[in-house]
Amino acid sequence: MKGPGFYFIQFFYGKYSSRLNRYCQQKDIPTPYNLCYHDDPDHHIFDILYRNDKYAVAQTEGEIKFQRTNFFTSRKKILKQYKPVYGYSIMEINKNTLRVYCFRKDIFGRRAKILFYFLNDVFIMGEYIFISYSPKKVSSVAQKLIQQQKLDYQYANENFYIENSNSERIIFTDSGFNLSIRYFSLKNKEIMDYLKSYFMPESEESKPDPIEWKRIAE
């Protein structure tokens, strides 16, 4: 049951604040928004940050952008262009905030969730999660992605990466019941070091240097 604390935090800190999210978790009450998905956002970053050697890799000479948006753009600038918010997820990682905003749109002729990932209000990753699944749809989306990126690559019903010389990466993932495409940039060393320190095994952990977030965001 929502008590006075819920409405107080929502009024002063906002519907999408980490304070309200923590309060809802502590009280075991629903958040005032739909979640983007039912797992944690960091699970979606790991296998694009660290390349899986079992996946094929295709090279492109073109640029890699998610929704024609530059990586490291500020959250405020991006959210002005997208409405309404369909879902929202948030979590704390190493005392910083990872936020994911979800919208809906047709991608490659198929209905999909469009997810923007922000680390401390800086855009670091984009993801398409397709609403319905079928092997025919997977093949169709894969072929359209290959054509869009102008690849010399023959799709063979497998997961694969697309990379360019600008340290940008796409991962096409078919889990057998879910299809997603993620877009990521490895170009910013500070953010890369920070994320790697978060995912590093405990025995190898080291404290990352502070990041000047305002300087990074465009």
Protein backbone atom coordinates (compact mmCIF):
# COMPACT_ATOMS: atom_id res chain seq x y z
CA MET A 1 0.00 0.00 0.00
CA LYS A 2 1.31 3.43 -0.96
CA GLY A 3 1.85 5.64 2.08
CA PRO A 4 2.65 9.34 2.57
CA GLY A 5 6.34 8.62 1.94
CA PHE A 6 5.60 7.48 -1.61
CA TYR A 7 3.78 10.68 -2.57
CA PHE A 8 6.31 12.88 -0.77
CA ILE A 9 9.27 11.36 -2.68
CA GLN A 10 7.41 11.39 -5.99
CA PHE A 11 6.50 15.06 -5.56
CA PHE A 12 9.97 16.30 -4.54
CA TYR A 13 12.27 13.96 -6.49
CA GLY A 14 10.13 12.89 -9.45
CA LYS A 15 8.39 9.83 -10.83
CA TYR A 16 11.62 8.47 -12.38
CA SER A 17 13.99 9.18 -9.48
CA SER A 18 16.25 6.54 -7.96
CA ARG A 19 14.92 7.55 -4.52
CA LEU A 20 11.37 6.58 -5.47
CA ASN A 21 12.58 3.33 -7.02
CA ARG A 22 14.44 2.39 -3.82
CA TYR A 23 11.41 3.27 -1.71
CA CYS A 24 9.16 0.99 -3.80
CA GLN A 25 11.67 -1.86 -3.52
CA GLN A 26 11.99 -1.45 0.25
CA LYS A 27 8.21 -1.34 0.74
CA ASP A 28 7.57 -4.04 -1.92
CA ILE A 29 5.02 -1.88 -3.74
CA PRO A 30 4.62 -1.29 -7.50
CA THR A 31 6.47 1.57 -9.16
CA PRO A 32 4.34 4.28 -10.83
CA TYR A 33 5.61 3.16 -14.26
CA ASN A 34 5.84 -0.03 -16.31
CA LEU A 35 9.23 -1.75 -16.25
CA CYS A 36 11.11 -2.10 -19.54
CA TYR A 37 11.59 -5.81 -18.77
CA HIS A 38 11.73 -8.10 -15.76
CA ASP A 39 15.51 -8.47 -15.41
CA ASP A 40 18.15 -5.91 -14.43
CA PRO A 41 19.45 -3.45 -17.05
CA ASP A 42 23.10 -4.41 -16.50
CA HIS A 43 22.40 -7.91 -17.87
CA HIS A 44 21.84 -6.33 -21.28
CA ILE A 45 25.25 -4.63 -21.34
CA PHE A 46 27.66 -7.46 -20.52
CA ASP A 47 27.79 -9.40 -23.80
CA ILE A 48 28.13 -6.30 -25.95
CA LEU A 49 30.85 -4.89 -23.71
CA TYR A 50 32.72 -8.22 -23.75
CA ARG A 51 32.59 -9.89 -27.15
CA ASN A 52 31.47 -13.53 -27.19
CA ASP A 53 34.02 -15.50 -29.24
CA LYS A 54 31.32 -17.94 -30.36
CA TYR A 55 29.50 -15.23 -32.34
CA ALA A 56 30.37 -14.24 -35.90
CA VAL A 57 31.81 -10.75 -36.48
CA ALA A 58 31.08 -8.64 -39.58
CA GLN A 59 32.94 -5.43 -40.37
CA THR A 60 31.31 -2.29 -41.76
CA GLU A 61 32.87 0.87 -43.15
CA GLY A 62 29.79 2.87 -42.23
CA GLU A 63 28.87 4.60 -38.99
CA ILE A 64 26.88 2.83 -36.31
CA LYS A 65 24.11 4.88 -34.71
CA PHE A 66 20.99 4.02 -32.76
CA GLN A 67 17.97 5.98 -34.01
CA ARG A 68 20.40 8.41 -35.69
CA THR A 69 21.53 9.50 -32.22
CA ASN A 70 25.13 10.16 -31.27
CA PHE A 71 26.51 8.15 -28.38
CA PHE A 72 27.16 10.14 -25.19
CA THR A 73 24.32 12.59 -25.91
CA SER A 74 22.61 13.92 -22.77
CA ARG A 75 19.42 12.31 -21.50
CA LYS A 76 17.60 15.67 -21.50
CA LYS A 77 18.32 16.25 -25.18
CA ILE A 78 17.15 12.78 -26.26
CA LEU A 79 13.97 12.67 -24.17
CA LYS A 80 12.75 15.88 -25.80
CA GLN A 81 12.41 13.91 -29.04
CA TYR A 82 10.55 10.86 -27.70
CA LYS A 83 7.10 10.59 -26.12
CA PRO A 84 5.29 8.95 -24.46
CA VAL A 85 7.47 6.81 -22.20
CA TYR A 86 6.20 3.23 -22.42
CA GLY A 87 8.47 1.76 -19.75
CA TYR A 88 11.29 2.67 -17.39
CA SER A 89 13.93 0.75 -15.44
CA ILE A 90 16.60 2.03 -13.06
CA MET A 91 19.40 0.58 -10.95
CA GLU A 92 22.46 1.76 -9.07
CA ILE A 93 25.87 0.53 -10.24
CA ASN A 94 28.91 1.51 -8.19
CA LYS A 95 27.09 4.55 -6.76
CA ASN A 96 26.07 5.76 -10.21
CA THR A 97 22.68 5.48 -11.85
CA LEU A 98 21.79 3.40 -14.90
CA ARG A 99 18.44 4.45 -16.39
CA VAL A 100 16.57 2.84 -19.28
CA TYR A 101 13.65 4.51 -21.07
CA CYS A 102 11.42 2.43 -23.31
CA PHE A 103 9.36 3.61 -26.28
CA ARG A 104 7.55 1.73 -29.07
CA LYS A 105 8.01 2.00 -32.81
CA ASP A 106 8.14 -0.08 -36.01
CA ILE A 107 11.72 -1.18 -36.77
CA PHE A 108 12.50 -2.99 -40.04
CA GLY A 109 8.75 -3.29 -40.52
CA ARG A 110 8.23 -4.99 -37.14
CA ARG A 111 6.82 -3.64 -33.87
CA ALA A 112 9.57 -3.23 -31.29
CA LYS A 113 10.50 -1.68 -27.98
CA ILE A 114 13.12 1.07 -28.35
CA LEU A 115 15.35 1.36 -25.29
CA PHE A 116 17.79 4.16 -24.49
CA TYR A 117 20.35 3.39 -21.77
CA PHE A 118 21.81 6.29 -19.77
CA LEU A 119 24.66 6.08 -17.28
CA ASN A 120 24.41 9.21 -15.12
CA ASP A 121 22.34 10.89 -17.81
CA VAL A 122 24.80 10.08 -20.63
CA PHE A 123 23.52 7.89 -23.50
CA ILE A 124 25.71 4.76 -23.67
CA MET A 125 23.60 2.08 -25.41
CA GLY A 126 20.48 1.56 -27.51
CA GLU A 127 18.44 -1.62 -27.91
CA TYR A 128 15.57 -2.93 -30.01
CA ILE A 129 13.50 -5.74 -28.49
CA PHE A 130 10.94 -7.08 -30.93
CA ILE A 131 7.44 -7.55 -29.56
CA SER A 132 6.65 -10.93 -31.14
CA TYR A 133 8.92 -13.77 -32.21
CA SER A 134 9.12 -16.25 -35.08
CA PRO A 135 12.05 -17.77 -37.05
CA LYS A 136 10.74 -16.06 -40.20
CA LYS A 137 10.78 -12.67 -38.47
CA VAL A 138 14.32 -13.25 -37.17
CA SER A 139 15.61 -13.97 -40.67
CA SER A 140 13.78 -10.97 -42.14
CA VAL A 141 15.13 -8.55 -39.53
CA ALA A 142 18.67 -9.94 -39.87
CA GLN A 143 18.64 -9.44 -43.65
CA LYS A 144 17.36 -5.88 -43.34
CA LEU A 145 20.00 -5.02 -40.74
CA ILE A 146 22.72 -6.46 -43.01
CA GLN A 147 21.43 -4.41 -45.94
CA GLN A 148 21.21 -1.25 -43.84
CA GLN A 149 24.83 -1.61 -42.70
CA LYS A 150 25.94 -2.58 -46.26
CA LEU A 151 27.69 -5.73 -45.10
CA ASP A 152 29.42 -8.42 -47.09
CA TYR A 153 28.01 -11.05 -44.74
CA GLN A 154 25.83 -14.12 -45.24
CA TYR A 155 23.39 -14.63 -42.36
CA ALA A 156 23.36 -18.27 -41.20
CA ASN A 157 20.80 -18.36 -38.38
CA GLU A 158 23.36 -17.28 -35.79
CA ASN A 159 24.07 -14.48 -33.37
CA PHE A 160 26.57 -11.95 -34.69
CA TYR A 161 28.35 -8.66 -34.11
CA ILE A 162 28.81 -5.74 -36.48
CA GLU A 163 31.79 -3.48 -35.83
CA ASN A 164 33.46 -0.50 -37.44
CA SER A 165 36.82 1.28 -37.19
CA ASN A 166 35.29 3.90 -34.86
CA SER A 167 35.00 1.45 -31.93
CA GLU A 168 31.24 1.11 -32.37
CA ARG A 169 29.44 -2.21 -32.14
CA ILE A 170 26.09 -3.89 -32.80
CA ILE A 171 25.05 -7.27 -31.44
CA PHE A 172 22.20 -9.24 -33.06
CA THR A 173 20.88 -11.79 -30.56
CA ASP A 174 18.33 -14.55 -31.17
CA SER A 175 17.73 -16.46 -27.93
CA GLY A 176 15.21 -18.85 -29.49
CA PHE A 177 12.26 -16.99 -27.97
CA ASN A 178 13.40 -13.36 -28.03
CA LEU A 179 15.05 -11.16 -30.65
CA SER A 180 17.10 -8.07 -29.82
CA ILE A 181 19.60 -5.73 -31.48
CA ARG A 182 21.89 -3.59 -29.32
CA TYR A 183 24.09 -0.64 -30.30
CA PHE A 184 27.11 0.38 -28.24
CA SER A 185 30.23 2.56 -28.43
CA LEU A 186 33.54 1.52 -26.89
CA LYS A 187 35.12 4.85 -27.80
CA ASN A 188 35.00 6.67 -24.46
CA LYS A 189 37.81 5.27 -22.31
CA GLU A 190 36.48 6.66 -19.03
CA ILE A 191 33.07 5.03 -19.44
CA MET A 192 34.64 1.79 -20.70
CA ASP A 193 36.99 1.57 -17.72
CA TYR A 194 34.11 2.30 -15.39
CA LEU A 195 31.84 -0.39 -16.84
CA LYS A 196 34.64 -2.96 -16.95
CA SER A 197 35.41 -2.32 -13.29
CA TYR A 198 31.74 -2.96 -12.49
CA PHE A 199 31.61 -6.28 -14.35
CA MET A 200 35.08 -7.39 -13.23
CA PRO A 201 35.23 -10.50 -10.96
CA GLU A 202 35.61 -9.68 -7.27
CA SER A 203 39.20 -10.95 -7.16
CA GLU A 204 40.17 -8.42 -9.85
CA GLU A 205 38.16 -5.44 -8.63
CA SER A 206 39.71 -2.00 -8.62
CA LYS A 207 38.08 1.32 -7.90
CA PRO A 208 37.49 3.34 -11.08
CA ASP A 209 38.52 6.99 -11.29
CA PRO A 210 35.70 9.56 -10.95
CA ILE A 211 34.09 10.51 -14.25
CA GLU A 212 33.37 14.09 -15.23
CA TRP A 213 29.86 13.37 -16.54
CA LYS A 214 29.04 16.93 -17.55
CA ARG A 215 32.11 17.03 -19.77
CA ILE A 216 31.19 13.78 -21.53
CA ALA A 217 27.54 14.52 -22.31
CA GLU A 218 26.86 16.42 -25.51
